[in-house]
Amino acid sequence: MKVLGIRVDPQRTRYALVEYDGNNFTLLNSNSESRLVYPADISEPEDKVEWLYHELGRVFHSHQGVETVCVKTNEYTQNDSKSKRESAYLEGAVLLFCKSKNVPVTVKIYGSLATRSADVRKHAEERVGRTTKYWDNKMADAVIAAWQGARNL
């Protein structure tokens, strides 16, 4: 089974393609594209949403057989920022895309991903693996989201 884990951000969206054979988890894009960087000339949230929607189509076309998607969402508080609101709009693009393609999608926070922010890199590496380029907490979030999505199928 193939699962797509996603972590959006107003500057870029990170994604992990994880395959689970019943015994092992494999990070399929550890050495290839794992981030969707918004073009410099796109600054308005509605333009980023449209761009991300189309990029998701490209990713799904390039990686046939994705059975489910799991999104790591922000941990919301009373003092949320403009950045978190924009991330929520971008998550909406992911939800709409998945709905239009009849791909099940779940949205998770750290508590339901069996990790926390301080440990997410270590847990992602131990459970699935890491990318060779651009390894950061957001990418680890995407890996952990895909891992959790695969475990739940």
N, C-alpha and C. Protein backbone atom coordinates (compact mmCIF):
# COMPACT_ATOMS: atom_id res chain seq x y z
N MET A 1 0.82 -1.17 0.00
CA MET A 1 0.00 0.00 0.00
C MET A 1 0.87 1.24 0.00
N LYS A 2 0.41 2.27 -0.68
CA LYS A 2 1.16 3.51 -0.80
C LYS A 2 0.35 4.64 -0.15
N VAL A 3 1.03 5.41 0.72
CA VAL A 3 0.39 6.49 1.45
C VAL A 3 1.17 7.78 1.21
N LEU A 4 0.44 8.87 1.08
CA LEU A 4 1.05 10.18 0.94
C LEU A 4 0.86 10.96 2.24
N GLY A 5 1.98 11.38 2.84
CA GLY A 5 1.95 12.23 4.02
C GLY A 5 2.26 13.64 3.60
N ILE A 6 1.50 14.60 4.13
CA ILE A 6 1.65 16.00 3.70
C ILE A 6 1.76 16.91 4.91
N ARG A 7 2.64 17.92 4.77
CA ARG A 7 2.77 19.00 5.76
C ARG A 7 2.86 20.30 4.98
N VAL A 8 1.82 21.13 5.09
CA VAL A 8 1.82 22.40 4.34
C VAL A 8 2.39 23.53 5.18
N ASP A 9 2.80 24.56 4.48
CA ASP A 9 3.42 25.73 5.07
C ASP A 9 3.26 26.83 4.01
N PRO A 10 3.18 28.09 4.38
CA PRO A 10 2.99 29.14 3.39
C PRO A 10 4.13 29.30 2.38
N GLN A 11 5.31 28.76 2.65
CA GLN A 11 6.41 28.86 1.70
C GLN A 11 6.56 27.61 0.84
N ARG A 12 6.24 26.45 1.40
CA ARG A 12 6.41 25.19 0.67
C ARG A 12 5.56 24.11 1.33
N THR A 13 5.23 23.13 0.55
CA THR A 13 4.54 21.95 1.05
C THR A 13 5.49 20.78 0.96
N ARG A 14 5.60 20.03 2.03
CA ARG A 14 6.47 18.85 2.05
C ARG A 14 5.59 17.62 1.94
N TYR A 15 6.08 16.61 1.22
CA TYR A 15 5.30 15.38 1.11
C TYR A 15 6.21 14.16 1.15
N ALA A 16 5.66 13.10 1.72
CA ALA A 16 6.37 11.82 1.83
C ALA A 16 5.50 10.73 1.23
N LEU A 17 6.10 9.93 0.39
CA LEU A 17 5.43 8.76 -0.17
C LEU A 17 5.98 7.54 0.55
N VAL A 18 5.12 6.89 1.29
CA VAL A 18 5.53 5.72 2.07
C VAL A 18 4.77 4.50 1.58
N GLU A 19 5.53 3.44 1.36
CA GLU A 19 4.94 2.17 0.98
C GLU A 19 5.07 1.21 2.16
N TYR A 20 4.01 0.46 2.41
CA TYR A 20 4.01 -0.51 3.50
C TYR A 20 3.60 -1.87 2.93
N ASP A 21 4.46 -2.86 3.11
CA ASP A 21 4.19 -4.19 2.56
C ASP A 21 3.63 -5.16 3.60
N GLY A 22 3.24 -4.64 4.75
CA GLY A 22 2.74 -5.49 5.83
C GLY A 22 3.79 -5.74 6.88
N ASN A 23 5.05 -5.54 6.53
CA ASN A 23 6.17 -5.73 7.47
C ASN A 23 7.08 -4.51 7.56
N ASN A 24 7.35 -3.90 6.41
CA ASN A 24 8.32 -2.81 6.36
C ASN A 24 7.73 -1.55 5.74
N PHE A 25 8.20 -0.42 6.23
CA PHE A 25 7.84 0.88 5.69
C PHE A 25 9.02 1.38 4.86
N THR A 26 8.74 1.86 3.64
CA THR A 26 9.78 2.37 2.76
C THR A 26 9.43 3.79 2.32
N LEU A 27 10.36 4.71 2.50
CA LEU A 27 10.18 6.08 2.04
C LEU A 27 10.57 6.12 0.56
N LEU A 28 9.57 6.14 -0.31
CA LEU A 28 9.81 6.03 -1.75
C LEU A 28 10.48 7.26 -2.35
N ASN A 29 10.28 8.41 -1.75
CA ASN A 29 10.88 9.62 -2.32
C ASN A 29 12.02 10.16 -1.46
N SER A 30 12.77 9.26 -0.86
CA SER A 30 13.89 9.70 -0.01
C SER A 30 14.99 10.38 -0.81
N ASN A 31 15.13 10.02 -2.09
CA ASN A 31 16.18 10.60 -2.94
C ASN A 31 15.63 11.44 -4.09
N SER A 32 14.34 11.74 -4.05
CA SER A 32 13.74 12.51 -5.14
C SER A 32 12.90 13.64 -4.57
N GLU A 33 12.08 14.24 -5.39
CA GLU A 33 11.30 15.40 -4.98
C GLU A 33 10.48 15.12 -3.72
N SER A 34 10.55 16.05 -2.77
CA SER A 34 9.77 15.91 -1.53
C SER A 34 9.21 17.26 -1.09
N ARG A 35 9.41 18.29 -1.88
CA ARG A 35 8.89 19.61 -1.51
C ARG A 35 8.33 20.31 -2.73
N LEU A 36 7.27 21.03 -2.49
CA LEU A 36 6.63 21.83 -3.51
C LEU A 36 6.77 23.28 -3.07
N VAL A 37 7.70 23.99 -3.68
CA VAL A 37 8.00 25.37 -3.30
C VAL A 37 7.15 26.31 -4.14
N TYR A 38 6.39 27.15 -3.48
CA TYR A 38 5.53 28.09 -4.19
C TYR A 38 6.37 29.07 -4.99
N PRO A 39 6.02 29.32 -6.24
CA PRO A 39 6.78 30.26 -7.07
C PRO A 39 6.84 31.65 -6.43
N ALA A 40 7.93 32.35 -6.65
CA ALA A 40 8.15 33.67 -6.04
C ALA A 40 7.08 34.68 -6.44
N ASP A 41 6.52 34.53 -7.62
CA ASP A 41 5.52 35.50 -8.07
C ASP A 41 4.10 35.19 -7.58
N ILE A 42 3.96 34.16 -6.77
CA ILE A 42 2.66 33.83 -6.19
C ILE A 42 2.71 34.18 -4.70
N SER A 43 1.93 35.20 -4.33
CA SER A 43 1.96 35.63 -2.94
C SER A 43 0.59 35.60 -2.26
N GLU A 44 -0.47 35.63 -3.03
CA GLU A 44 -1.81 35.65 -2.46
C GLU A 44 -2.25 34.22 -2.10
N PRO A 45 -2.91 34.07 -0.96
CA PRO A 45 -3.32 32.72 -0.53
C PRO A 45 -4.15 31.98 -1.57
N GLU A 46 -5.08 32.66 -2.23
CA GLU A 46 -5.93 31.98 -3.20
C GLU A 46 -5.13 31.48 -4.40
N ASP A 47 -4.06 32.19 -4.75
CA ASP A 47 -3.20 31.74 -5.84
C ASP A 47 -2.36 30.54 -5.42
N LYS A 48 -1.92 30.54 -4.17
CA LYS A 48 -1.16 29.39 -3.65
C LYS A 48 -2.05 28.15 -3.58
N VAL A 49 -3.31 28.34 -3.18
CA VAL A 49 -4.25 27.22 -3.11
C VAL A 49 -4.44 26.60 -4.50
N GLU A 50 -4.65 27.45 -5.48
CA GLU A 50 -4.83 26.94 -6.85
C GLU A 50 -3.57 26.23 -7.34
N TRP A 51 -2.40 26.83 -7.10
CA TRP A 51 -1.14 26.23 -7.54
C TRP A 51 -0.92 24.87 -6.88
N LEU A 52 -1.17 24.80 -5.55
CA LEU A 52 -0.99 23.54 -4.84
C LEU A 52 -1.94 22.47 -5.35
N TYR A 53 -3.17 22.84 -5.61
CA TYR A 53 -4.15 21.89 -6.14
C TYR A 53 -3.62 21.25 -7.43
N HIS A 54 -3.10 22.07 -8.32
CA HIS A 54 -2.57 21.54 -9.59
C HIS A 54 -1.30 20.71 -9.38
N GLU A 55 -0.46 21.12 -8.46
CA GLU A 55 0.76 20.35 -8.16
C GLU A 55 0.41 18.98 -7.57
N LEU A 56 -0.62 18.92 -6.76
CA LEU A 56 -1.05 17.62 -6.23
C LEU A 56 -1.48 16.70 -7.36
N GLY A 57 -2.12 17.25 -8.36
CA GLY A 57 -2.47 16.45 -9.54
C GLY A 57 -1.24 15.87 -10.21
N ARG A 58 -0.21 16.68 -10.32
CA ARG A 58 1.04 16.22 -10.92
C ARG A 58 1.67 15.12 -10.07
N VAL A 59 1.69 15.31 -8.75
CA VAL A 59 2.28 14.31 -7.85
C VAL A 59 1.51 13.00 -7.94
N PHE A 60 0.19 13.06 -7.93
CA PHE A 60 -0.61 11.83 -8.02
C PHE A 60 -0.42 11.15 -9.37
N HIS A 61 -0.28 11.93 -10.43
CA HIS A 61 -0.05 11.35 -11.75
C HIS A 61 1.31 10.65 -11.80
N SER A 62 2.31 11.26 -11.17
CA SER A 62 3.67 10.69 -11.17
C SER A 62 3.80 9.48 -10.26
N HIS A 63 2.96 9.40 -9.26
CA HIS A 63 3.04 8.33 -8.26
C HIS A 63 1.69 7.63 -8.17
N GLN A 64 1.42 6.81 -9.15
CA GLN A 64 0.15 6.09 -9.21
C GLN A 64 0.00 5.16 -8.00
N GLY A 65 -1.23 4.94 -7.59
CA GLY A 65 -1.51 3.94 -6.57
C GLY A 65 -1.55 4.46 -5.14
N VAL A 66 -1.58 5.77 -4.94
CA VAL A 66 -1.71 6.29 -3.57
C VAL A 66 -3.10 5.94 -3.07
N GLU A 67 -3.15 5.21 -1.95
CA GLU A 67 -4.42 4.73 -1.43
C GLU A 67 -5.06 5.67 -0.41
N THR A 68 -4.24 6.42 0.29
CA THR A 68 -4.76 7.34 1.29
C THR A 68 -3.76 8.47 1.51
N VAL A 69 -4.25 9.54 2.10
CA VAL A 69 -3.43 10.72 2.40
C VAL A 69 -3.62 11.05 3.86
N CYS A 70 -2.52 11.42 4.51
CA CYS A 70 -2.58 11.86 5.91
C CYS A 70 -1.85 13.20 6.00
N VAL A 71 -2.55 14.21 6.53
CA VAL A 71 -2.01 15.56 6.64
C VAL A 71 -1.65 15.82 8.10
N LYS A 72 -0.44 16.28 8.34
CA LYS A 72 -0.05 16.77 9.67
C LYS A 72 -0.45 18.23 9.71
N THR A 73 -1.40 18.56 10.58
CA THR A 73 -1.88 19.93 10.67
C THR A 73 -1.18 20.68 11.80
N ASN A 74 -1.38 21.98 11.83
CA ASN A 74 -0.81 22.80 12.89
C ASN A 74 -1.46 22.49 14.24
N GLU A 75 -0.71 22.77 15.27
CA GLU A 75 -1.24 22.69 16.63
C GLU A 75 -1.81 24.08 16.91
N TYR A 76 -3.12 24.23 16.89
CA TYR A 76 -3.73 25.54 17.02
C TYR A 76 -3.84 25.98 18.48
N THR A 77 -3.66 27.29 18.69
CA THR A 77 -3.72 27.89 20.02
C THR A 77 -4.56 29.16 19.93
N GLN A 78 -4.70 29.85 21.05
CA GLN A 78 -5.45 31.10 21.07
C GLN A 78 -4.74 32.21 20.31
N ASN A 79 -3.44 32.13 20.18
CA ASN A 79 -2.65 33.18 19.54
C ASN A 79 -2.16 32.77 18.15
N ASP A 80 -3.04 32.23 17.34
CA ASP A 80 -2.64 31.79 16.01
C ASP A 80 -2.23 32.96 15.13
N SER A 81 -1.32 32.68 14.23
CA SER A 81 -0.73 33.70 13.37
C SER A 81 -1.35 33.66 11.96
N LYS A 82 -1.02 34.66 11.19
CA LYS A 82 -1.43 34.72 9.79
C LYS A 82 -0.89 33.50 9.04
N SER A 83 0.32 33.10 9.37
CA SER A 83 0.94 31.94 8.74
C SER A 83 0.12 30.67 8.97
N LYS A 84 -0.36 30.48 10.19
CA LYS A 84 -1.17 29.29 10.47
C LYS A 84 -2.50 29.35 9.72
N ARG A 85 -3.09 30.53 9.61
CA ARG A 85 -4.34 30.65 8.85
C ARG A 85 -4.10 30.30 7.38
N GLU A 86 -3.01 30.80 6.83
CA GLU A 86 -2.71 30.51 5.43
C GLU A 86 -2.46 29.01 5.25
N SER A 87 -1.80 28.39 6.19
CA SER A 87 -1.59 26.94 6.12
C SER A 87 -2.93 26.20 6.11
N ALA A 88 -3.89 26.69 6.87
CA ALA A 88 -5.21 26.06 6.90
C ALA A 88 -5.89 26.15 5.53
N TYR A 89 -5.73 27.28 4.84
CA TYR A 89 -6.29 27.40 3.50
C TYR A 89 -5.66 26.36 2.56
N LEU A 90 -4.35 26.20 2.69
CA LEU A 90 -3.63 25.25 1.83
C LEU A 90 -4.02 23.82 2.15
N GLU A 91 -4.27 23.53 3.41
CA GLU A 91 -4.76 22.20 3.77
C GLU A 91 -6.12 21.95 3.12
N GLY A 92 -6.91 23.01 3.00
CA GLY A 92 -8.20 22.90 2.32
C GLY A 92 -8.04 22.45 0.88
N ALA A 93 -6.99 22.94 0.21
CA ALA A 93 -6.72 22.51 -1.16
C ALA A 93 -6.43 21.01 -1.21
N VAL A 94 -5.69 20.52 -0.21
CA VAL A 94 -5.38 19.09 -0.14
C VAL A 94 -6.67 18.29 0.06
N LEU A 95 -7.51 18.74 0.98
CA LEU A 95 -8.77 18.04 1.25
C LEU A 95 -9.67 18.02 0.02
N LEU A 96 -9.78 19.16 -0.66
CA LEU A 96 -10.61 19.24 -1.85
C LEU A 96 -10.06 18.34 -2.96
N PHE A 97 -8.75 18.36 -3.16
CA PHE A 97 -8.16 17.52 -4.19
C PHE A 97 -8.45 16.04 -3.90
N CYS A 98 -8.22 15.63 -2.68
CA CYS A 98 -8.45 14.22 -2.32
C CYS A 98 -9.92 13.84 -2.50
N LYS A 99 -10.81 14.72 -2.09
CA LYS A 99 -12.25 14.46 -2.24
C LYS A 99 -12.59 14.31 -3.72
N SER A 100 -12.05 15.17 -4.56
CA SER A 100 -12.35 15.11 -6.00
C SER A 100 -11.82 13.84 -6.65
N LYS A 101 -10.80 13.23 -6.07
CA LYS A 101 -10.21 12.00 -6.61
C LYS A 101 -10.64 10.76 -5.84
N ASN A 102 -11.56 10.91 -4.89
CA ASN A 102 -12.05 9.81 -4.06
C ASN A 102 -10.93 9.09 -3.32
N VAL A 103 -9.98 9.87 -2.84
CA VAL A 103 -8.87 9.33 -2.05
C VAL A 103 -9.14 9.69 -0.59
N PRO A 104 -9.21 8.71 0.30
CA PRO A 104 -9.45 9.01 1.71
C PRO A 104 -8.33 9.88 2.28
N VAL A 105 -8.69 10.82 3.13
CA VAL A 105 -7.71 11.72 3.74
C VAL A 105 -8.05 11.89 5.21
N THR A 106 -7.01 11.94 6.04
CA THR A 106 -7.17 12.23 7.45
C THR A 106 -6.25 13.39 7.81
N VAL A 107 -6.62 14.10 8.86
CA VAL A 107 -5.84 15.23 9.35
C VAL A 107 -5.49 14.92 10.80
N LYS A 108 -4.19 15.03 11.11
CA LYS A 108 -3.70 14.62 12.43
C LYS A 108 -2.85 15.71 13.07
N ILE A 109 -2.82 15.68 14.40
CA ILE A 109 -1.90 16.50 15.19
C ILE A 109 -0.89 15.56 15.84
N TYR A 110 0.13 16.10 16.47
CA TYR A 110 1.16 15.26 17.07
C TYR A 110 0.59 14.20 18.00
N GLY A 111 -0.39 14.56 18.81
CA GLY A 111 -0.96 13.60 19.76
C GLY A 111 -1.47 12.34 19.12
N SER A 112 -1.99 12.43 17.89
CA SER A 112 -2.50 11.25 17.20
C SER A 112 -1.48 10.64 16.24
N LEU A 113 -0.27 11.18 16.24
CA LEU A 113 0.81 10.65 15.40
C LEU A 113 1.88 9.93 16.20
N ALA A 114 1.65 9.75 17.48
CA ALA A 114 2.59 9.04 18.36
C ALA A 114 3.97 9.69 18.41
N THR A 115 3.99 11.02 18.40
CA THR A 115 5.25 11.75 18.51
C THR A 115 4.96 13.15 19.05
N ARG A 116 6.01 13.95 19.10
CA ARG A 116 5.86 15.37 19.45
C ARG A 116 6.92 16.13 18.66
N SER A 117 6.77 17.44 18.61
CA SER A 117 7.64 18.26 17.79
C SER A 117 9.12 18.03 18.07
N ALA A 118 9.48 17.92 19.35
CA ALA A 118 10.89 17.75 19.72
C ALA A 118 11.47 16.41 19.26
N ASP A 119 10.61 15.42 19.02
CA ASP A 119 11.08 14.08 18.67
C ASP A 119 10.77 13.65 17.25
N VAL A 120 10.09 14.50 16.47
CA VAL A 120 9.57 14.04 15.19
C VAL A 120 10.67 13.59 14.22
N ARG A 121 11.79 14.26 14.18
CA ARG A 121 12.87 13.83 13.26
C ARG A 121 13.38 12.44 13.64
N LYS A 122 13.67 12.27 14.89
CA LYS A 122 14.19 10.99 15.37
C LYS A 122 13.18 9.87 15.11
N HIS A 123 11.91 10.11 15.41
CA HIS A 123 10.89 9.09 15.21
C HIS A 123 10.70 8.77 13.73
N ALA A 124 10.72 9.78 12.88
CA ALA A 124 10.57 9.54 11.43
C ALA A 124 11.72 8.68 10.92
N GLU A 125 12.94 9.00 11.32
CA GLU A 125 14.10 8.23 10.88
C GLU A 125 14.04 6.79 11.37
N GLU A 126 13.63 6.59 12.61
CA GLU A 126 13.56 5.24 13.18
C GLU A 126 12.45 4.41 12.55
N ARG A 127 11.32 5.02 12.26
CA ARG A 127 10.15 4.27 11.81
C ARG A 127 10.11 4.06 10.30
N VAL A 128 10.63 5.03 9.54
CA VAL A 128 10.55 4.94 8.08
C VAL A 128 11.87 5.26 7.41
N GLY A 129 12.46 6.39 7.73
CA GLY A 129 13.68 6.85 7.08
C GLY A 129 13.64 8.36 6.92
N ARG A 130 14.59 8.87 6.17
CA ARG A 130 14.68 10.32 5.96
C ARG A 130 15.06 10.61 4.53
N THR A 131 14.85 11.85 4.14
CA THR A 131 15.25 12.28 2.81
C THR A 131 16.74 12.60 2.82
N THR A 132 17.35 12.52 1.66
CA THR A 132 18.77 12.84 1.57
C THR A 132 19.00 14.34 1.46
N LYS A 133 17.97 15.08 1.03
CA LYS A 133 18.06 16.54 0.90
C LYS A 133 16.90 17.20 1.63
N TYR A 134 17.15 18.39 2.14
CA TYR A 134 16.13 19.23 2.75
C TYR A 134 15.43 18.56 3.95
N TRP A 135 16.17 17.80 4.73
CA TRP A 135 15.60 17.13 5.89
C TRP A 135 15.37 18.17 6.98
N ASP A 136 14.13 18.31 7.42
CA ASP A 136 13.79 19.24 8.49
C ASP A 136 12.54 18.73 9.21
N ASN A 137 12.08 19.47 10.19
CA ASN A 137 10.91 19.03 10.96
C ASN A 137 9.66 18.90 10.10
N LYS A 138 9.48 19.80 9.15
CA LYS A 138 8.27 19.73 8.30
C LYS A 138 8.28 18.46 7.46
N MET A 139 9.46 18.08 6.95
CA MET A 139 9.54 16.85 6.18
C MET A 139 9.33 15.65 7.10
N ALA A 140 9.88 15.70 8.29
CA ALA A 140 9.67 14.62 9.25
C ALA A 140 8.18 14.50 9.60
N ASP A 141 7.50 15.64 9.70
CA ASP A 141 6.04 15.61 9.92
C ASP A 141 5.34 14.85 8.81
N ALA A 142 5.73 15.10 7.56
CA ALA A 142 5.12 14.42 6.42
C ALA A 142 5.40 12.92 6.46
N VAL A 143 6.62 12.55 6.83
CA VAL A 143 6.99 11.13 6.93
C VAL A 143 6.16 10.45 8.02
N ILE A 144 6.08 11.08 9.18
CA ILE A 144 5.31 10.49 10.29
C ILE A 144 3.83 10.41 9.93
N ALA A 145 3.31 11.41 9.24
CA ALA A 145 1.91 11.36 8.81
C ALA A 145 1.67 10.18 7.87
N ALA A 146 2.56 9.98 6.90
CA ALA A 146 2.42 8.85 5.98
C ALA A 146 2.54 7.52 6.71
N TRP A 147 3.49 7.45 7.65
CA TRP A 147 3.66 6.23 8.45
C TRP A 147 2.37 5.91 9.21
N GLN A 148 1.78 6.92 9.85
CA GLN A 148 0.56 6.71 10.61
C GLN A 148 -0.59 6.31 9.68
N GLY A 149 -0.65 6.97 8.51
CA GLY A 149 -1.70 6.60 7.55
C GLY A 149 -1.58 5.15 7.10
N ALA A 150 -0.37 4.67 6.90
CA ALA A 150 -0.14 3.29 6.48
C ALA A 150 -0.50 2.31 7.60
N ARG A 151 -0.19 2.69 8.83
CA ARG A 151 -0.50 1.83 9.97
C ARG A 151 -2.00 1.66 10.18
N ASN A 152 -2.75 2.67 9.78
CA ASN A 152 -4.20 2.66 10.02
C ASN A 152 -5.00 1.95 8.93
N LEU A 153 -4.33 1.54 7.86
CA LEU A 153 -5.06 0.84 6.78
C LEU A 153 -5.11 -0.65 7.03
